[in-house]
Amino acid sequence: MRKYKKVIGSKKKRYGDYTQDAIKNAIVPIHEGNMSIRETSLSFNIPKSTLHRKLKGIQMRPIGHPPNLSPEEERSFVKHLIVVAEWGFPFSNLDLCLMVKAYLDKANRRVN
């Protein structure tokens, strides 16, 4: 399963160089009326546009292409791969791709 965790400070620019907790903490003074979006942006080092989007609820979906398999389907594949490996028949990457393709074909789901 995907367990990617962004490393804060890894990019040279400020793009996404803050945590979700930092955004939640930054939105609190705006809701209370103590600070403007601009003041909050400068003090928390988060772009104004990001704070504005979070306040308005715009673009709240995850960024990037959506996964083709649900988390439950991925867990099921992982469980079966572990069982087959314990039996002494480990799968190669090609075997896994063919198994997933057969599953998607059987479920009548087309993936480019």
PDB file of N, CA and C in Angstrom:
ATOM      1  N   MET A   1       0.831  -1.183   0.000  1.00  0.00           N
ATOM      2  CA  MET A   1       0.000   0.000   0.000  1.00  0.00           C
ATOM      3  C   MET A   1       0.868   1.235   0.000  1.00  0.00           C
ATOM      4  N   ARG A   2       0.272   2.278  -0.416  1.00  0.00           N
ATOM      5  CA  ARG A   2       1.006   3.537  -0.458  1.00  0.00           C
ATOM      6  C   ARG A   2       1.119   4.116   0.938  1.00  0.00           C
ATOM      7  N   LYS A   3       2.341   4.363   1.365  1.00  0.00           N
ATOM      8  CA  LYS A   3       2.569   4.981   2.665  1.00  0.00           C
ATOM      9  C   LYS A   3       3.580   6.101   2.518  1.00  0.00           C
ATOM     10  N   TYR A   4       3.426   6.869   1.430  1.00  0.00           N
ATOM     11  CA  TYR A   4       4.361   7.940   1.159  1.00  0.00           C
ATOM     12  C   TYR A   4       4.177   9.046   2.181  1.00  0.00           C
ATOM     13  N   LYS A   5       5.272   9.513   2.745  1.00  0.00           N
ATOM     14  CA  LYS A   5       5.232  10.637   3.670  1.00  0.00           C
ATOM     15  C   LYS A   5       6.198  11.688   3.171  1.00  0.00           C
ATOM     16  N   LYS A   6       5.662  12.876   2.952  1.00  0.00           N
ATOM     17  CA  LYS A   6       6.471  13.968   2.440  1.00  0.00           C
ATOM     18  C   LYS A   6       7.454  14.431   3.515  1.00  0.00           C
ATOM     19  N   VAL A   7       8.677  14.665   3.105  1.00  0.00           N
ATOM     20  CA  VAL A   7       9.702  15.162   4.019  1.00  0.00           C
ATOM     21  C   VAL A   7       9.656  16.686   3.970  1.00  0.00           C
ATOM     22  N   ILE A   8       9.349  17.300   5.112  1.00  0.00           N
ATOM     23  CA  ILE A   8       9.250  18.752   5.176  1.00  0.00           C
ATOM     24  C   ILE A   8      10.642  19.346   4.994  1.00  0.00           C
ATOM     25  N   GLY A   9      10.736  20.354   4.126  1.00  0.00           N
ATOM     26  CA  GLY A   9      12.018  21.000   3.875  1.00  0.00           C
ATOM     27  C   GLY A   9      12.833  20.328   2.791  1.00  0.00           C
ATOM     28  N   SER A  10      12.276  19.313   2.109  1.00  0.00           N
ATOM     29  CA  SER A  10      13.040  18.601   1.100  1.00  0.00           C
ATOM     30  C   SER A  10      13.136  19.376  -0.210  1.00  0.00           C
ATOM     31  N   LYS A  11      12.176  20.225  -0.475  1.00  0.00           N
ATOM     32  CA  LYS A  11      12.205  21.015  -1.704  1.00  0.00           C
ATOM     33  C   LYS A  11      12.937  22.320  -1.460  1.00  0.00           C
ATOM     34  N   LYS A  12      13.583  22.817  -2.500  1.00  0.00           N
ATOM     35  CA  LYS A  12      14.309  24.081  -2.392  1.00  0.00           C
ATOM     36  C   LYS A  12      13.340  25.250  -2.235  1.00  0.00           C
ATOM     37  N   LYS A  13      12.220  25.187  -2.950  1.00  0.00           N
ATOM     38  CA  LYS A  13      11.236  26.260  -2.875  1.00  0.00           C
ATOM     39  C   LYS A  13      10.286  25.991  -1.715  1.00  0.00           C
ATOM     40  N   ARG A  14       9.355  26.891  -1.519  1.00  0.00           N
ATOM     41  CA  ARG A  14       8.398  26.783  -0.426  1.00  0.00           C
ATOM     42  C   ARG A  14       7.206  25.919  -0.788  1.00  0.00           C
ATOM     43  N   TYR A  15       7.200  25.303  -1.963  1.00  0.00           N
ATOM     44  CA  TYR A  15       6.044  24.548  -2.421  1.00  0.00           C
ATOM     45  C   TYR A  15       5.707  23.424  -1.455  1.00  0.00           C
ATOM     46  N   GLY A  16       4.575  23.521  -0.795  1.00  0.00           N
ATOM     47  CA  GLY A  16       4.108  22.472   0.103  1.00  0.00           C
ATOM     48  C   GLY A  16       5.010  22.210   1.281  1.00  0.00           C
ATOM     49  N   ASP A  17       5.728  23.221   1.747  1.00  0.00           N
ATOM     50  CA  ASP A  17       6.697  23.023   2.822  1.00  0.00           C
ATOM     51  C   ASP A  17       6.056  23.297   4.182  1.00  0.00           C
ATOM     52  N   TYR A  18       4.938  22.610   4.470  1.00  0.00           N
ATOM     53  CA  TYR A  18       4.228  22.764   5.729  1.00  0.00           C
ATOM     54  C   TYR A  18       3.379  21.510   5.930  1.00  0.00           C
ATOM     55  N   THR A  19       3.011  21.244   7.152  1.00  0.00           N
ATOM     56  CA  THR A  19       2.207  20.063   7.457  1.00  0.00           C
ATOM     57  C   THR A  19       0.731  20.440   7.512  1.00  0.00           C
ATOM     58  N   GLN A  20      -0.121  19.430   7.519  1.00  0.00           N
ATOM     59  CA  GLN A  20      -1.552  19.675   7.638  1.00  0.00           C
ATOM     60  C   GLN A  20      -1.891  20.268   9.007  1.00  0.00           C
ATOM     61  N   ASP A  21      -1.141  19.857  10.031  1.00  0.00           N
ATOM     62  CA  ASP A  21      -1.368  20.429  11.361  1.00  0.00           C
ATOM     63  C   ASP A  21      -1.050  21.915  11.380  1.00  0.00           C
ATOM     64  N   ALA A  22      -0.014  22.314  10.643  1.00  0.00           N
ATOM     65  CA  ALA A  22       0.339  23.731  10.573  1.00  0.00           C
ATOM     66  C   ALA A  22      -0.780  24.528   9.912  1.00  0.00           C
ATOM     67  N   ILE A  23      -1.397  23.960   8.889  1.00  0.00           N
ATOM     68  CA  ILE A  23      -2.507  24.646   8.226  1.00  0.00           C
ATOM     69  C   ILE A  23      -3.693  24.770   9.177  1.00  0.00           C
ATOM     70  N   LYS A  24      -3.999  23.689   9.903  1.00  0.00           N
ATOM     71  CA  LYS A  24      -5.112  23.749  10.852  1.00  0.00           C
ATOM     72  C   LYS A  24      -4.857  24.787  11.935  1.00  0.00           C
ATOM     73  N   ASN A  25      -3.617  24.858  12.418  1.00  0.00           N
ATOM     74  CA  ASN A  25      -3.274  25.852  13.438  1.00  0.00           C
ATOM     75  C   ASN A  25      -3.328  27.265  12.876  1.00  0.00           C
ATOM     76  N   ALA A  26      -3.021  27.419  11.592  1.00  0.00           N
ATOM     77  CA  ALA A  26      -3.032  28.744  10.979  1.00  0.00           C
ATOM     78  C   ALA A  26      -4.457  29.232  10.720  1.00  0.00           C
ATOM     79  N   ILE A  27      -5.379  28.325  10.487  1.00  0.00           N
ATOM     80  CA  ILE A  27      -6.753  28.721  10.171  1.00  0.00           C
ATOM     81  C   ILE A  27      -7.497  29.197  11.429  1.00  0.00           C
ATOM     82  N   VAL A  28      -7.092  28.721  12.598  1.00  0.00           N
ATOM     83  CA  VAL A  28      -7.788  29.081  13.842  1.00  0.00           C
ATOM     84  C   VAL A  28      -7.837  30.591  14.069  1.00  0.00           C
ATOM     85  N   PRO A  29      -6.702  31.342  13.990  1.00  0.00           N
ATOM     86  CA  PRO A  29      -6.794  32.787  14.224  1.00  0.00           C
ATOM     87  C   PRO A  29      -7.631  33.518  13.179  1.00  0.00           C
ATOM     88  N   ILE A  30      -7.714  32.957  11.966  1.00  0.00           N
ATOM     89  CA  ILE A  30      -8.535  33.588  10.928  1.00  0.00           C
ATOM     90  C   ILE A  30     -10.003  33.437  11.288  1.00  0.00           C
ATOM     91  N   HIS A  31     -10.403  32.241  11.718  1.00  0.00           N
ATOM     92  CA  HIS A  31     -11.799  32.008  12.111  1.00  0.00           C
ATOM     93  C   HIS A  31     -12.185  32.852  13.325  1.00  0.00           C
ATOM     94  N   GLU A  32     -11.252  33.034  14.242  1.00  0.00           N
ATOM     95  CA  GLU A  32     -11.541  33.828  15.438  1.00  0.00           C
ATOM     96  C   GLU A  32     -11.557  35.319  15.146  1.00  0.00           C
ATOM     97  N   GLY A  33     -11.040  35.726  13.998  1.00  0.00           N
ATOM     98  CA  GLY A  33     -11.014  37.136  13.632  1.00  0.00           C
ATOM     99  C   GLY A  33      -9.827  37.888  14.188  1.00  0.00           C
ATOM    100  N   ASN A  34      -8.853  37.192  14.730  1.00  0.00           N
ATOM    101  CA  ASN A  34      -7.671  37.844  15.307  1.00  0.00           C
ATOM    102  C   ASN A  34      -6.663  38.273  14.252  1.00  0.00           C
ATOM    103  N   MET A  35      -6.609  37.546  13.124  1.00  0.00           N
ATOM    104  CA  MET A  35      -5.626  37.841  12.083  1.00  0.00           C
ATOM    105  C   MET A  35      -6.294  37.744  10.718  1.00  0.00           C
ATOM    106  N   SER A  36      -5.731  38.483   9.760  1.00  0.00           N
ATOM    107  CA  SER A  36      -6.192  38.366   8.387  1.00  0.00           C
ATOM    108  C   SER A  36      -5.455  37.214   7.716  1.00  0.00           C
ATOM    109  N   ILE A  37      -5.897  36.879   6.522  1.00  0.00           N
ATOM    110  CA  ILE A  37      -5.232  35.804   5.786  1.00  0.00           C
ATOM    111  C   ILE A  37      -3.786  36.202   5.487  1.00  0.00           C
ATOM    112  N   ARG A  38      -3.591  37.461   5.135  1.00  0.00           N
ATOM    113  CA  ARG A  38      -2.238  37.928   4.803  1.00  0.00           C
ATOM    114  C   ARG A  38      -1.319  37.857   6.022  1.00  0.00           C
ATOM    115  N   GLU A  39      -1.789  38.323   7.169  1.00  0.00           N
ATOM    116  CA  GLU A  39      -0.975  38.277   8.396  1.00  0.00           C
ATOM    117  C   GLU A  39      -0.654  36.833   8.780  1.00  0.00           C
ATOM    118  N   THR A  40      -1.652  35.978   8.678  1.00  0.00           N
ATOM    119  CA  THR A  40      -1.449  34.569   9.005  1.00  0.00           C
ATOM    120  C   THR A  40      -0.446  33.933   8.049  1.00  0.00           C
ATOM    121  N   SER A  41      -0.546  34.289   6.775  1.00  0.00           N
ATOM    122  CA  SER A  41       0.377  33.763   5.775  1.00  0.00           C
ATOM    123  C   SER A  41       1.820  34.129   6.119  1.00  0.00           C
ATOM    124  N   LEU A  42       2.038  35.374   6.520  1.00  0.00           N
ATOM    125  CA  LEU A  42       3.386  35.804   6.851  1.00  0.00           C
ATOM    126  C   LEU A  42       3.900  35.180   8.142  1.00  0.00           C
ATOM    127  N   SER A  43       3.024  35.053   9.149  1.00  0.00           N
ATOM    128  CA  SER A  43       3.498  34.535  10.434  1.00  0.00           C
ATOM    129  C   SER A  43       3.693  33.014  10.422  1.00  0.00           C
ATOM    130  N   PHE A  44       2.850  32.275   9.680  1.00  0.00           N
ATOM    131  CA  PHE A  44       2.963  30.812   9.646  1.00  0.00           C
ATOM    132  C   PHE A  44       3.770  30.310   8.452  1.00  0.00           C
ATOM    133  N   ASN A  45       4.158  31.233   7.542  1.00  0.00           N
ATOM    134  CA  ASN A  45       4.951  30.880   6.373  1.00  0.00           C
ATOM    135  C   ASN A  45       4.219  29.890   5.463  1.00  0.00           C
ATOM    136  N   ILE A  46       2.920  30.156   5.258  1.00  0.00           N
ATOM    137  CA  ILE A  46       2.076  29.366   4.373  1.00  0.00           C
ATOM    138  C   ILE A  46       1.517  30.324   3.332  1.00  0.00           C
ATOM    139  N   PRO A  47       1.513  29.960   2.050  1.00  0.00           N
ATOM    140  CA  PRO A  47       1.014  30.869   1.021  1.00  0.00           C
ATOM    141  C   PRO A  47      -0.435  31.300   1.264  1.00  0.00           C
ATOM    142  N   LYS A  48      -0.733  32.550   0.880  1.00  0.00           N
ATOM    143  CA  LYS A  48      -2.087  33.089   1.052  1.00  0.00           C
ATOM    144  C   LYS A  48      -3.100  32.272   0.274  1.00  0.00           C
ATOM    145  N   SER A  49      -2.722  31.863  -0.934  1.00  0.00           N
ATOM    146  CA  SER A  49      -3.660  31.119  -1.768  1.00  0.00           C
ATOM    147  C   SER A  49      -4.022  29.779  -1.133  1.00  0.00           C
ATOM    148  N   THR A  50      -3.073  29.150  -0.466  1.00  0.00           N
ATOM    149  CA  THR A  50      -3.351  27.873   0.205  1.00  0.00           C
ATOM    150  C   THR A  50      -4.331  28.079   1.342  1.00  0.00           C
ATOM    151  N   LEU A  51      -4.108  29.103   2.153  1.00  0.00           N
ATOM    152  CA  LEU A  51      -5.026  29.391   3.251  1.00  0.00           C
ATOM    153  C   LEU A  51      -6.415  29.734   2.726  1.00  0.00           C
ATOM    154  N   HIS A  52      -6.473  30.502   1.652  1.00  0.00           N
ATOM    155  CA  HIS A  52      -7.767  30.876   1.071  1.00  0.00           C
ATOM    156  C   HIS A  52      -8.515  29.642   0.582  1.00  0.00           C
ATOM    157  N   ARG A  53      -7.808  28.737  -0.118  1.00  0.00           N
ATOM    158  CA  ARG A  53      -8.447  27.508  -0.602  1.00  0.00           C
ATOM    159  C   ARG A  53      -8.963  26.658   0.552  1.00  0.00           C
ATOM    160  N   LYS A  54      -8.180  26.550   1.635  1.00  0.00           N
ATOM    161  CA  LYS A  54      -8.596  25.730   2.772  1.00  0.00           C
ATOM    162  C   LYS A  54      -9.801  26.344   3.461  1.00  0.00           C
ATOM    163  N   LEU A  55      -9.856  27.680   3.539  1.00  0.00           N
ATOM    164  CA  LEU A  55     -11.004  28.340   4.165  1.00  0.00           C
ATOM    165  C   LEU A  55     -12.275  28.184   3.337  1.00  0.00           C
ATOM    166  N   LYS A  56     -12.145  28.259   2.015  1.00  0.00           N
ATOM    167  CA  LYS A  56     -13.300  28.161   1.131  1.00  0.00           C
ATOM    168  C   LYS A  56     -13.666  26.718   0.788  1.00  0.00           C
ATOM    169  N   GLY A  57     -12.773  25.769   1.085  1.00  0.00           N
ATOM    170  CA  GLY A  57     -13.050  24.363   0.788  1.00  0.00           C
ATOM    171  C   GLY A  57     -12.871  24.017  -0.674  1.00  0.00           C
ATOM    172  N   ILE A  58     -12.045  24.783  -1.379  1.00  0.00           N
ATOM    173  CA  ILE A  58     -11.789  24.550  -2.795  1.00  0.00           C
ATOM    174  C   ILE A  58     -10.620  23.577  -2.933  1.00  0.00           C
ATOM    175  N   GLN A  59     -10.717  22.665  -3.899  1.00  0.00           N
ATOM    176  CA  GLN A  59      -9.660  21.692  -4.203  1.00  0.00           C
ATOM    177  C   GLN A  59      -9.290  20.892  -2.955  1.00  0.00           C
ATOM    178  N   MET A  60     -10.252  20.271  -2.347  1.00  0.00           N
ATOM    179  CA  MET A  60     -10.004  19.487  -1.153  1.00  0.00           C
ATOM    180  C   MET A  60      -9.707  18.020  -1.482  1.00  0.00           C
ATOM    181  N   ARG A  61      -9.771  17.670  -2.770  1.00  0.00           N
ATOM    182  CA  ARG A  61      -9.450  16.296  -3.162  1.00  0.00           C
ATOM    183  C   ARG A  61      -7.941  16.099  -3.154  1.00  0.00           C
ATOM    184  N   PRO A  62      -7.472  14.862  -3.038  1.00  0.00           N
ATOM    185  CA  PRO A  62      -6.032  14.616  -3.141  1.00  0.00           C
ATOM    186  C   PRO A  62      -5.518  14.992  -4.522  1.00  0.00           C
ATOM    187  N   ILE A  63      -4.300  15.474  -4.579  1.00  0.00           N
ATOM    188  CA  ILE A  63      -3.704  15.876  -5.843  1.00  0.00           C
ATOM    189  C   ILE A  63      -3.114  14.648  -6.513  1.00  0.00           C
ATOM    190  N   GLY A  64      -3.232  14.569  -7.825  1.00  0.00           N
ATOM    191  CA  GLY A  64      -2.663  13.466  -8.574  1.00  0.00           C
ATOM    192  C   GLY A  64      -3.740  12.560  -9.144  1.00  0.00           C
ATOM    193  N   HIS A  65      -3.298  11.568  -9.876  1.00  0.00           N
ATOM    194  CA  HIS A  65      -4.208  10.617 -10.504  1.00  0.00           C
ATOM    195  C   HIS A  65      -4.784   9.694  -9.445  1.00  0.00           C
ATOM    196  N   PRO A  66      -6.085   9.441  -9.466  1.00  0.00           N
ATOM    197  CA  PRO A  66      -6.664   8.537  -8.465  1.00  0.00           C
ATOM    198  C   PRO A  66      -6.179   7.107  -8.671  1.00  0.00           C
ATOM    199  N   PRO A  67      -6.031   6.348  -7.599  1.00  0.00           N
ATOM    200  CA  PRO A  67      -5.566   4.956  -7.747  1.00  0.00           C
ATOM    201  C   PRO A  67      -6.622   4.096  -8.431  1.00  0.00           C
ATOM    202  N   ASN A  68      -6.163   3.053  -9.107  1.00  0.00           N
ATOM    203  CA  ASN A  68      -7.069   2.169  -9.827  1.00  0.00           C
ATOM    204  C   ASN A  68      -7.714   1.142  -8.911  1.00  0.00           C
ATOM    205  N   LEU A  69      -7.062   0.824  -7.820  1.00  0.00           N
ATOM    206  CA  LEU A  69      -7.595  -0.148  -6.868  1.00  0.00           C
ATOM    207  C   LEU A  69      -7.931   0.565  -5.559  1.00  0.00           C
ATOM    208  N   SER A  70      -8.974   0.100  -4.912  1.00  0.00           N
ATOM    209  CA  SER A  70      -9.331   0.664  -3.614  1.00  0.00           C
ATOM    210  C   SER A  70      -8.358   0.139  -2.550  1.00  0.00           C
ATOM    211  N   PRO A  71      -8.275   0.800  -1.397  1.00  0.00           N
ATOM    212  CA  PRO A  71      -7.384   0.301  -0.335  1.00  0.00           C
ATOM    213  C   PRO A  71      -7.720  -1.131   0.095  1.00  0.00           C
ATOM    214  N   GLU A  72      -9.011  -1.485   0.089  1.00  0.00           N
ATOM    215  CA  GLU A  72      -9.396  -2.857   0.462  1.00  0.00           C
ATOM    216  C   GLU A  72      -8.881  -3.861  -0.562  1.00  0.00           C
ATOM    217  N   GLU A  73      -8.975  -3.503  -1.848  1.00  0.00           N
ATOM    218  CA  GLU A  73      -8.474  -4.400  -2.896  1.00  0.00           C
ATOM    219  C   GLU A  73      -6.958  -4.557  -2.789  1.00  0.00           C
ATOM    220  N   GLU A  74      -6.257  -3.472  -2.517  1.00  0.00           N
ATOM    221  CA  GLU A  74      -4.804  -3.554  -2.369  1.00  0.00           C
ATOM    222  C   GLU A  74      -4.424  -4.435  -1.181  1.00  0.00           C
ATOM    223  N   ARG A  75      -5.146  -4.273  -0.056  1.00  0.00           N
ATOM    224  CA  ARG A  75      -4.878  -5.116   1.118  1.00  0.00           C
ATOM    225  C   ARG A  75      -5.116  -6.587   0.804  1.00  0.00           C
ATOM    226  N   SER A  76      -6.148  -6.863   0.040  1.00  0.00           N
ATOM    227  CA  SER A  76      -6.450  -8.240  -0.339  1.00  0.00           C
ATOM    228  C   SER A  76      -5.335  -8.829  -1.189  1.00  0.00           C
ATOM    229  N   PHE A  77      -4.837  -8.064  -2.158  1.00  0.00           N
ATOM    230  CA  PHE A  77      -3.729  -8.537  -2.983  1.00  0.00           C
ATOM    231  C   PHE A  77      -2.488  -8.780  -2.138  1.00  0.00           C
ATOM    232  N   VAL A  78      -2.195  -7.883  -1.227  1.00  0.00           N
ATOM    233  CA  VAL A  78      -1.016  -8.047  -0.368  1.00  0.00           C
ATOM    234  C   VAL A  78      -1.152  -9.306   0.475  1.00  0.00           C
ATOM    235  N   LYS A  79      -2.331  -9.512   1.037  1.00  0.00           N
ATOM    236  CA  LYS A  79      -2.559 -10.700   1.870  1.00  0.00           C
ATOM    237  C   LYS A  79      -2.347 -11.977   1.064  1.00  0.00           C
ATOM    238  N   HIS A  80      -2.876 -12.023  -0.143  1.00  0.00           N
ATOM    239  CA  HIS A  80      -2.731 -13.208  -0.974  1.00  0.00           C
ATOM    240  C   HIS A  80      -1.293 -13.408  -1.434  1.00  0.00           C
ATOM    241  N   LEU A  81      -0.589 -12.315  -1.719  1.00  0.00           N
ATOM    242  CA  LEU A  81       0.821 -12.442  -2.101  1.00  0.00           C
ATOM    243  C   LEU A  81       1.648 -13.020  -0.961  1.00  0.00           C
ATOM    244  N   ILE A  82       1.358 -12.606   0.250  1.00  0.00           N
ATOM    245  CA  ILE A  82       2.090 -13.124   1.409  1.00  0.00           C
ATOM    246  C   ILE A  82       1.823 -14.614   1.589  1.00  0.00           C
ATOM    247  N   VAL A  83       0.562 -15.015   1.436  1.00  0.00           N
ATOM    248  CA  VAL A  83       0.210 -16.435   1.584  1.00  0.00           C
ATOM    249  C   VAL A  83       0.909 -17.272   0.522  1.00  0.00           C
ATOM    250  N   VAL A  84       0.887 -16.813  -0.722  1.00  0.00           N
ATOM    251  CA  VAL A  84       1.519 -17.562  -1.808  1.00  0.00           C
ATOM    252  C   VAL A  84       3.031 -17.636  -1.583  1.00  0.00           C
ATOM    253  N   ALA A  85       3.642 -16.560  -1.087  1.00  0.00           N
ATOM    254  CA  ALA A  85       5.081 -16.568  -0.808  1.00  0.00           C
ATOM    255  C   ALA A  85       5.407 -17.539   0.316  1.00  0.00           C
ATOM    256  N   GLU A  86       4.536 -17.641   1.327  1.00  0.00           N
ATOM    257  CA  GLU A  86       4.751 -18.599   2.418  1.00  0.00           C
ATOM    258  C   GLU A  86       4.672 -20.035   1.907  1.00  0.00           C
ATOM    259  N   TRP A  87       3.879 -20.261   0.865  1.00  0.00           N
ATOM    260  CA  TRP A  87       3.784 -21.590   0.278  1.00  0.00           C
ATOM    261  C   TRP A  87       5.012 -21.924  -0.561  1.00  0.00           C
ATOM    262  N   GLY A  88       5.870 -20.931  -0.813  1.00  0.00           N
ATOM    263  CA  GLY A  88       7.084 -21.174  -1.574  1.00  0.00           C
ATOM    264  C   GLY A  88       6.984 -20.790  -3.036  1.00  0.00           C
ATOM    265  N   PHE A  89       5.978 -20.007  -3.397  1.00  0.00           N
ATOM    266  CA  PHE A  89       5.800 -19.571  -4.786  1.00  0.00           C
ATOM    267  C   PHE A  89       5.734 -18.045  -4.835  1.00  0.00           C
ATOM    268  N   PRO A  90       6.869 -17.378  -4.666  1.00  0.00           N
ATOM    269  CA  PRO A  90       6.823 -15.914  -4.694  1.00  0.00           C
ATOM    270  C   PRO A  90       6.474 -15.388  -6.081  1.00  0.00           C
ATOM    271  N   PHE A  91       5.754 -14.275  -6.122  1.00  0.00           N
ATOM    272  CA  PHE A  91       5.343 -13.665  -7.380  1.00  0.00           C
ATOM    273  C   PHE A  91       6.400 -12.667  -7.837  1.00  0.00           C
ATOM    274  N   SER A  92       6.620 -12.613  -9.148  1.00  0.00           N
ATOM    275  CA  SER A  92       7.474 -11.564  -9.712  1.00  0.00           C
ATOM    276  C   SER A  92       6.580 -10.358 -10.017  1.00  0.00           C
ATOM    277  N   ASN A  93       7.196  -9.265 -10.441  1.00  0.00           N
ATOM    278  CA  ASN A  93       6.409  -8.081 -10.792  1.00  0.00           C
ATOM    279  C   ASN A  93       5.469  -8.371 -11.950  1.00  0.00           C
ATOM    280  N   LEU A  94       5.934  -9.149 -12.917  1.00  0.00           N
ATOM    281  CA  LEU A  94       5.088  -9.497 -14.051  1.00  0.00           C
ATOM    282  C   LEU A  94       3.895 -10.337 -13.602  1.00  0.00           C
ATOM    283  N   ASP A  95       4.125 -11.307 -12.708  1.00  0.00           N
ATOM    284  CA  ASP A  95       3.029 -12.125 -12.193  1.00  0.00           C
ATOM    285  C   ASP A  95       1.979 -11.260 -11.507  1.00  0.00           C
ATOM    286  N   LEU A  96       2.444 -10.299 -10.715  1.00  0.00           N
ATOM    287  CA  LEU A  96       1.517  -9.414 -10.009  1.00  0.00           C
ATOM    288  C   LEU A  96       0.714  -8.576 -10.996  1.00  0.00           C
ATOM    289  N   CYS A  97       1.382  -8.027 -12.015  1.00  0.00           N
ATOM    290  CA  CYS A  97       0.676  -7.225 -13.022  1.00  0.00           C
ATOM    291  C   CYS A  97      -0.376  -8.055 -13.747  1.00  0.00           C
ATOM    292  N   LEU A  98      -0.022  -9.280 -14.103  1.00  0.00           N
ATOM    293  CA  LEU A  98      -0.991 -10.141 -14.792  1.00  0.00           C
ATOM    294  C   LEU A  98      -2.159 -10.510 -13.883  1.00  0.00           C
ATOM    295  N   MET A  99      -1.888 -10.731 -12.609  1.00  0.00           N
ATOM    296  CA  MET A  99      -2.962 -11.060 -11.674  1.00  0.00           C
ATOM    297  C   MET A  99      -3.913  -9.876 -11.502  1.00  0.00           C
ATOM    298  N   VAL A 100      -3.373  -8.681 -11.376  1.00  0.00           N
ATOM    299  CA  VAL A 100      -4.217  -7.490 -11.225  1.00  0.00           C
ATOM    300  C   VAL A 100      -5.006  -7.244 -12.500  1.00  0.00           C
ATOM    301  N   LYS A 101      -4.366  -7.444 -13.662  1.00  0.00           N
ATOM    302  CA  LYS A 101      -5.081  -7.259 -14.923  1.00  0.00           C
ATOM    303  C   LYS A 101      -6.232  -8.257 -15.052  1.00  0.00           C
ATOM    304  N   ALA A 102      -5.992  -9.499 -14.672  1.00  0.00           N
ATOM    305  CA  ALA A 102      -7.060 -10.500 -14.731  1.00  0.00           C
ATOM    306  C   ALA A 102      -8.208 -10.110 -13.802  1.00  0.00           C
ATOM    307  N   TYR A 103      -7.871  -9.591 -12.627  1.00  0.00           N
ATOM    308  CA  TYR A 103      -8.897  -9.155 -11.681  1.00  0.00           C
ATOM    309  C   TYR A 103      -9.725  -8.012 -12.267  1.00  0.00           C
ATOM    310  N   LEU A 104      -9.031  -7.012 -12.846  1.00  0.00           N
ATOM    311  CA  LEU A 104      -9.751  -5.878 -13.425  1.00  0.00           C
ATOM    312  C   LEU A 104     -10.593  -6.283 -14.618  1.00  0.00           C
ATOM    313  N   ASP A 105     -10.080  -7.227 -15.430  1.00  0.00           N
ATOM    314  CA  ASP A 105     -10.862  -7.706 -16.580  1.00  0.00           C
ATOM    315  C   ASP A 105     -12.125  -8.418 -16.102  1.00  0.00           C
ATOM    316  N   LYS A 106     -11.997  -9.216 -15.065  1.00  0.00           N
ATOM    317  CA  LYS A 106     -13.139  -9.956 -14.538  1.00  0.00           C
ATOM    318  C   LYS A 106     -14.178  -9.007 -13.929  1.00  0.00           C
ATOM    319  N   ALA A 107     -13.687  -7.888 -13.367  1.00  0.00           N
ATOM    320  CA  ALA A 107     -14.606  -6.898 -12.766  1.00  0.00           C
ATOM    321  C   ALA A 107     -15.118  -5.895 -13.790  1.00  0.00           C
ATOM    322  N   ASN A 108     -14.771  -6.094 -15.085  1.00  0.00           N
ATOM    323  CA  ASN A 108     -15.170  -5.203 -16.164  1.00  0.00           C
ATOM    324  C   ASN A 108     -14.760  -3.754 -15.920  1.00  0.00           C
ATOM    325  N   ARG A 109     -13.533  -3.581 -15.447  1.00  0.00           N
ATOM    326  CA  ARG A 109     -12.982  -2.244 -15.230  1.00  0.00           C
ATOM    327  C   ARG A 109     -11.828  -2.051 -16.197  1.00  0.00           C
ATOM    328  N   ARG A 110     -11.894  -0.973 -16.971  1.00  0.00           N
ATOM    329  CA  ARG A 110     -10.862  -0.694 -17.973  1.00  0.00           C
ATOM    330  C   ARG A 110      -9.908   0.360 -17.402  1.00  0.00           C
ATOM    331  N   VAL A 111      -8.614   0.055 -17.469  1.00  0.00           N
ATOM    332  CA  VAL A 111      -7.585   0.960 -16.995  1.00  0.00           C
ATOM    333  C   VAL A 111      -6.583   1.147 -18.125  1.00  0.00           C
ATOM    334  N   ASN A 112      -6.273   2.385 -18.445  1.00  0.00           N
ATOM    335  CA  ASN A 112      -5.291   2.672 -19.499  1.00  0.00           C
ATOM    336  C   ASN A 112      -3.897   2.374 -19.019  1.00  0.00           C
TER     337      ASN A 112
END
